[in-house]
Amino acid sequence: MPRFFALILLPTLCFLLCQCGSSAGSRWEYKYSPGKTAIIIGGKAVPPANAPAEVMRAISAGNRICTKPYRRGGGHAKFEDSAYDCSGTVSYVLHAAGKLDAPTISSAFRKYGRGGEGKWITVYARKGHVFMEVAGLRLDTGYSDADSDGPRWSSRSRPTKGYTMRHPPGL
């Protein structure tokens, strides 16, 4: 009988331990930290001066599309598009940073890169939606201002229940 419990308990324990550090908390919050966190000026993200080159490219890419409208499937046929959906936005920015070769869908980002929060870039993914944090700012196509439609930088908090946190290796 003890062997039976060990056979049941061991896989369960392994599953729970493998989930550590990869699941988002209940809210994403902007926390300004001088030298580490980007700020928003005129709707565009301004990176900290000491950010790695990949992060600078990611922020520059986000700034290029942060006024584009939302379109389901936008950014999937090609990186350069006239409108973007959530996964097209994240794909575009990660591609510019040199961390993604081809556009992908939101649920696929649940297995992207490495598990847990990144030092500079974190992808929050669930089935049906994905958004990202770059140098402390959120880039999202939803949950921003009521008058926005499409990719936008935000420092506004948002719920993250059900999201998985992933990050590009090294960032």
C-alpha atoms as a PDB file:
ATOM      1  CA  MET A   1       0.000   0.000   0.000  1.00  0.00           C
ATOM      2  CA  PRO A   2       2.802   2.565   0.770  1.00  0.00           C
ATOM      3  CA  ARG A   3       4.287   1.877  -2.656  1.00  0.00           C
ATOM      4  CA  PHE A   4       0.917   2.664  -4.254  1.00  0.00           C
ATOM      5  CA  PHE A   5       0.784   6.036  -2.470  1.00  0.00           C
ATOM      6  CA  ALA A   6       4.363   6.788  -3.545  1.00  0.00           C
ATOM      7  CA  LEU A   7       3.448   6.065  -7.169  1.00  0.00           C
ATOM      8  CA  ILE A   8       0.498   8.463  -6.919  1.00  0.00           C
ATOM      9  CA  LEU A   9       2.211  11.109  -4.814  1.00  0.00           C
ATOM     10  CA  LEU A  10       5.455  11.348  -6.801  1.00  0.00           C
ATOM     11  CA  PRO A  11       3.928  12.345 -10.191  1.00  0.00           C
ATOM     12  CA  THR A  12       1.581  14.782  -8.455  1.00  0.00           C
ATOM     13  CA  LEU A  13       4.449  16.385  -6.564  1.00  0.00           C
ATOM     14  CA  CYS A  14       6.570  16.603  -9.738  1.00  0.00           C
ATOM     15  CA  PHE A  15       3.708  18.271 -11.602  1.00  0.00           C
ATOM     16  CA  LEU A  16       3.217  20.855  -8.864  1.00  0.00           C
ATOM     17  CA  LEU A  17       6.932  21.623  -8.613  1.00  0.00           C
ATOM     18  CA  CYS A  18       7.225  22.026 -12.385  1.00  0.00           C
ATOM     19  CA  GLN A  19       4.527  24.689 -12.244  1.00  0.00           C
ATOM     20  CA  CYS A  20       6.458  26.856  -9.774  1.00  0.00           C
ATOM     21  CA  GLY A  21       7.518  30.211 -11.167  1.00  0.00           C
ATOM     22  CA  SER A  22       5.592  29.883 -14.415  1.00  0.00           C
ATOM     23  CA  SER A  23       2.132  30.945 -13.334  1.00  0.00           C
ATOM     24  CA  ALA A  24       1.227  34.620 -13.092  1.00  0.00           C
ATOM     25  CA  GLY A  25      -0.112  36.132  -9.895  1.00  0.00           C
ATOM     26  CA  SER A  26      -3.511  37.756  -9.673  1.00  0.00           C
ATOM     27  CA  ARG A  27      -2.511  41.171 -11.136  1.00  0.00           C
ATOM     28  CA  TRP A  28       0.127  42.747 -13.305  1.00  0.00           C
ATOM     29  CA  GLU A  29       1.302  45.989 -11.685  1.00  0.00           C
ATOM     30  CA  TYR A  30       3.609  48.725 -12.968  1.00  0.00           C
ATOM     31  CA  LYS A  31       6.421  49.354 -10.506  1.00  0.00           C
ATOM     32  CA  TYR A  32       8.709  52.222 -11.473  1.00  0.00           C
ATOM     33  CA  SER A  33      12.369  51.564 -10.747  1.00  0.00           C
ATOM     34  CA  PRO A  34      14.956  54.144 -11.909  1.00  0.00           C
ATOM     35  CA  GLY A  35      17.390  52.680 -14.430  1.00  0.00           C
ATOM     36  CA  LYS A  36      15.307  49.513 -14.894  1.00  0.00           C
ATOM     37  CA  THR A  37      11.854  50.663 -15.926  1.00  0.00           C
ATOM     38  CA  ALA A  38      10.672  52.352 -19.098  1.00  0.00           C
ATOM     39  CA  ILE A  39       8.236  55.267 -18.949  1.00  0.00           C
ATOM     40  CA  ILE A  40       5.507  56.439 -21.325  1.00  0.00           C
ATOM     41  CA  ILE A  41       5.734  59.874 -22.946  1.00  0.00           C
ATOM     42  CA  GLY A  42       3.151  60.803 -25.553  1.00  0.00           C
ATOM     43  CA  GLY A  43       2.009  57.186 -25.877  1.00  0.00           C
ATOM     44  CA  LYS A  44       5.511  55.933 -26.686  1.00  0.00           C
ATOM     45  CA  ALA A  45       7.778  53.943 -24.385  1.00  0.00           C
ATOM     46  CA  VAL A  46      11.090  55.492 -23.386  1.00  0.00           C
ATOM     47  CA  PRO A  47      13.542  52.796 -22.271  1.00  0.00           C
ATOM     48  CA  PRO A  48      16.050  53.110 -19.461  1.00  0.00           C
ATOM     49  CA  ALA A  49      19.519  53.974 -20.793  1.00  0.00           C
ATOM     50  CA  ASN A  50      21.098  50.748 -19.522  1.00  0.00           C
ATOM     51  CA  ALA A  51      18.629  48.370 -21.206  1.00  0.00           C
ATOM     52  CA  PRO A  52      20.213  45.625 -23.352  1.00  0.00           C
ATOM     53  CA  ALA A  53      20.205  46.105 -27.136  1.00  0.00           C
ATOM     54  CA  GLU A  54      17.455  43.470 -27.562  1.00  0.00           C
ATOM     55  CA  VAL A  55      15.205  45.394 -25.177  1.00  0.00           C
ATOM     56  CA  MET A  56      15.902  48.662 -26.994  1.00  0.00           C
ATOM     57  CA  ARG A  57      14.903  46.981 -30.277  1.00  0.00           C
ATOM     58  CA  ALA A  58      11.772  45.515 -28.649  1.00  0.00           C
ATOM     59  CA  ILE A  59      10.700  48.927 -27.339  1.00  0.00           C
ATOM     60  CA  SER A  60      11.426  50.576 -30.689  1.00  0.00           C
ATOM     61  CA  ALA A  61       9.287  47.924 -32.408  1.00  0.00           C
ATOM     62  CA  GLY A  62       6.465  48.412 -29.913  1.00  0.00           C
ATOM     63  CA  ASN A  63       6.622  52.167 -30.529  1.00  0.00           C
ATOM     64  CA  ARG A  64       6.316  51.615 -34.307  1.00  0.00           C
ATOM     65  CA  ILE A  65       3.039  49.719 -33.934  1.00  0.00           C
ATOM     66  CA  CYS A  66       1.534  51.290 -30.799  1.00  0.00           C
ATOM     67  CA  THR A  67      -0.787  53.517 -32.862  1.00  0.00           C
ATOM     68  CA  LYS A  68      -1.942  50.779 -35.244  1.00  0.00           C
ATOM     69  CA  PRO A  69      -5.524  49.508 -35.010  1.00  0.00           C
ATOM     70  CA  TYR A  70      -6.603  46.064 -33.820  1.00  0.00           C
ATOM     71  CA  ARG A  71      -7.463  43.425 -36.408  1.00  0.00           C
ATOM     72  CA  ARG A  72      -7.993  39.753 -35.672  1.00  0.00           C
ATOM     73  CA  GLY A  73      -5.144  37.914 -37.407  1.00  0.00           C
ATOM     74  CA  GLY A  74      -3.177  41.140 -37.853  1.00  0.00           C
ATOM     75  CA  GLY A  75       0.571  40.535 -37.951  1.00  0.00           C
ATOM     76  CA  HIS A  76       0.284  36.828 -38.724  1.00  0.00           C
ATOM     77  CA  ALA A  77       0.625  36.622 -42.509  1.00  0.00           C
ATOM     78  CA  LYS A  78       3.668  38.909 -42.281  1.00  0.00           C
ATOM     79  CA  PHE A  79       5.394  40.835 -39.493  1.00  0.00           C
ATOM     80  CA  GLU A  80       4.807  44.232 -41.152  1.00  0.00           C
ATOM     81  CA  ASP A  81       1.068  44.832 -41.252  1.00  0.00           C
ATOM     82  CA  SER A  82      -1.466  47.671 -41.108  1.00  0.00           C
ATOM     83  CA  ALA A  83      -3.124  46.313 -37.937  1.00  0.00           C
ATOM     84  CA  TYR A  84      -2.261  43.805 -35.192  1.00  0.00           C
ATOM     85  CA  ASP A  85      -4.000  41.415 -32.847  1.00  0.00           C
ATOM     86  CA  CYS A  86      -2.531  40.404 -29.475  1.00  0.00           C
ATOM     87  CA  SER A  87      -0.282  37.602 -30.692  1.00  0.00           C
ATOM     88  CA  GLY A  88       0.702  39.545 -33.816  1.00  0.00           C
ATOM     89  CA  THR A  89       1.835  42.368 -31.512  1.00  0.00           C
ATOM     90  CA  VAL A  90       3.909  40.115 -29.253  1.00  0.00           C
ATOM     91  CA  SER A  91       5.317  38.271 -32.282  1.00  0.00           C
ATOM     92  CA  TYR A  92       6.346  41.553 -33.940  1.00  0.00           C
ATOM     93  CA  VAL A  93       8.150  42.843 -30.856  1.00  0.00           C
ATOM     94  CA  LEU A  94       9.926  39.562 -30.088  1.00  0.00           C
ATOM     95  CA  HIS A  95      10.982  39.252 -33.726  1.00  0.00           C
ATOM     96  CA  ALA A  96      12.471  42.776 -33.653  1.00  0.00           C
ATOM     97  CA  ALA A  97      14.367  41.801 -30.494  1.00  0.00           C
ATOM     98  CA  GLY A  98      15.790  38.772 -32.322  1.00  0.00           C
ATOM     99  CA  LYS A  99      13.863  36.323 -30.126  1.00  0.00           C
ATOM    100  CA  LEU A 100      11.239  34.891 -32.529  1.00  0.00           C
ATOM    101  CA  ASP A 101      11.526  33.700 -36.133  1.00  0.00           C
ATOM    102  CA  ALA A 102       7.875  33.510 -37.188  1.00  0.00           C
ATOM    103  CA  PRO A 103       4.545  34.930 -35.972  1.00  0.00           C
ATOM    104  CA  THR A 104       2.664  32.620 -33.623  1.00  0.00           C
ATOM    105  CA  ILE A 105      -0.735  32.385 -31.931  1.00  0.00           C
ATOM    106  CA  SER A 106      -1.514  33.373 -28.342  1.00  0.00           C
ATOM    107  CA  SER A 107      -1.859  29.876 -26.877  1.00  0.00           C
ATOM    108  CA  ALA A 108       1.511  28.826 -28.353  1.00  0.00           C
ATOM    109  CA  PHE A 109       3.194  31.513 -26.248  1.00  0.00           C
ATOM    110  CA  ARG A 110       2.361  29.391 -23.181  1.00  0.00           C
ATOM    111  CA  LYS A 111       5.383  27.267 -24.176  1.00  0.00           C
ATOM    112  CA  TYR A 112       7.596  30.070 -25.512  1.00  0.00           C
ATOM    113  CA  GLY A 113      11.136  30.545 -24.201  1.00  0.00           C
ATOM    114  CA  ARG A 114      11.659  29.787 -20.526  1.00  0.00           C
ATOM    115  CA  GLY A 115       9.167  29.606 -17.675  1.00  0.00           C
ATOM    116  CA  GLY A 116       8.641  32.413 -15.217  1.00  0.00           C
ATOM    117  CA  GLU A 117       9.248  36.115 -15.118  1.00  0.00           C
ATOM    118  CA  GLY A 118      12.076  37.564 -17.189  1.00  0.00           C
ATOM    119  CA  LYS A 119      14.522  40.229 -16.120  1.00  0.00           C
ATOM    120  CA  TRP A 120      13.583  42.578 -19.005  1.00  0.00           C
ATOM    121  CA  ILE A 121      10.803  40.890 -21.008  1.00  0.00           C
ATOM    122  CA  THR A 122       7.933  38.740 -19.770  1.00  0.00           C
ATOM    123  CA  VAL A 123       5.202  37.249 -21.955  1.00  0.00           C
ATOM    124  CA  TYR A 124       1.837  36.593 -20.275  1.00  0.00           C
ATOM    125  CA  ALA A 125      -0.056  33.951 -22.241  1.00  0.00           C
ATOM    126  CA  ARG A 126      -3.285  32.026 -21.954  1.00  0.00           C
ATOM    127  CA  LYS A 127      -5.642  30.457 -24.433  1.00  0.00           C
ATOM    128  CA  GLY A 128      -7.165  33.331 -26.371  1.00  0.00           C
ATOM    129  CA  HIS A 129      -4.904  36.225 -25.305  1.00  0.00           C
ATOM    130  CA  VAL A 130      -1.288  37.236 -24.837  1.00  0.00           C
ATOM    131  CA  PHE A 131       0.383  40.447 -23.740  1.00  0.00           C
ATOM    132  CA  MET A 132       3.891  41.348 -22.699  1.00  0.00           C
ATOM    133  CA  GLU A 133       5.902  43.423 -20.296  1.00  0.00           C
ATOM    134  CA  VAL A 134       9.022  45.103 -21.669  1.00  0.00           C
ATOM    135  CA  ALA A 135      11.285  46.986 -19.234  1.00  0.00           C
ATOM    136  CA  GLY A 136       8.409  47.220 -16.797  1.00  0.00           C
ATOM    137  CA  LEU A 137       5.732  48.532 -19.203  1.00  0.00           C
ATOM    138  CA  ARG A 138       2.821  46.498 -20.497  1.00  0.00           C
ATOM    139  CA  LEU A 139       2.239  46.219 -24.250  1.00  0.00           C
ATOM    140  CA  ASP A 140      -1.268  44.953 -24.821  1.00  0.00           C
ATOM    141  CA  THR A 141      -4.144  45.113 -27.294  1.00  0.00           C
ATOM    142  CA  GLY A 142      -6.721  45.028 -24.524  1.00  0.00           C
ATOM    143  CA  TYR A 143      -7.359  46.283 -21.038  1.00  0.00           C
ATOM    144  CA  SER A 144      -5.968  49.743 -21.701  1.00  0.00           C
ATOM    145  CA  ASP A 145      -7.942  52.937 -22.150  1.00  0.00           C
ATOM    146  CA  ALA A 146     -11.559  52.866 -23.301  1.00  0.00           C
ATOM    147  CA  ASP A 147     -10.678  54.869 -26.416  1.00  0.00           C
ATOM    148  CA  SER A 148      -7.762  52.662 -27.523  1.00  0.00           C
ATOM    149  CA  ASP A 149      -8.032  49.961 -30.146  1.00  0.00           C
ATOM    150  CA  GLY A 150      -4.895  48.003 -30.925  1.00  0.00           C
ATOM    151  CA  PRO A 151      -1.417  47.682 -29.470  1.00  0.00           C
ATOM    152  CA  ARG A 152      -0.728  50.243 -26.735  1.00  0.00           C
ATOM    153  CA  TRP A 153       1.827  50.767 -23.974  1.00  0.00           C
ATOM    154  CA  SER A 154       0.277  50.966 -20.538  1.00  0.00           C
ATOM    155  CA  SER A 155       1.211  51.324 -16.903  1.00  0.00           C
ATOM    156  CA  ARG A 156      -2.358  50.482 -15.855  1.00  0.00           C
ATOM    157  CA  SER A 157      -2.665  47.271 -13.828  1.00  0.00           C
ATOM    158  CA  ARG A 158      -4.612  44.295 -15.149  1.00  0.00           C
ATOM    159  CA  PRO A 159      -5.719  40.868 -13.905  1.00  0.00           C
ATOM    160  CA  THR A 160      -3.436  37.957 -14.774  1.00  0.00           C
ATOM    161  CA  LYS A 161      -5.291  34.987 -13.350  1.00  0.00           C
ATOM    162  CA  GLY A 162      -4.984  32.067 -15.755  1.00  0.00           C
ATOM    163  CA  TYR A 163      -1.920  33.451 -17.536  1.00  0.00           C
ATOM    164  CA  THR A 164       1.420  31.691 -17.790  1.00  0.00           C
ATOM    165  CA  MET A 165       4.568  33.792 -17.562  1.00  0.00           C
ATOM    166  CA  ARG A 166       7.362  33.054 -20.037  1.00  0.00           C
ATOM    167  CA  HIS A 167      10.462  34.939 -21.104  1.00  0.00           C
ATOM    168  CA  PRO A 168      13.107  34.890 -23.805  1.00  0.00           C
ATOM    169  CA  PRO A 169      16.308  33.189 -22.640  1.00  0.00           C
ATOM    170  CA  GLY A 170      18.735  35.756 -21.234  1.00  0.00           C
ATOM    171  CA  LEU A 171      16.146  38.486 -20.885  1.00  0.00           C
END
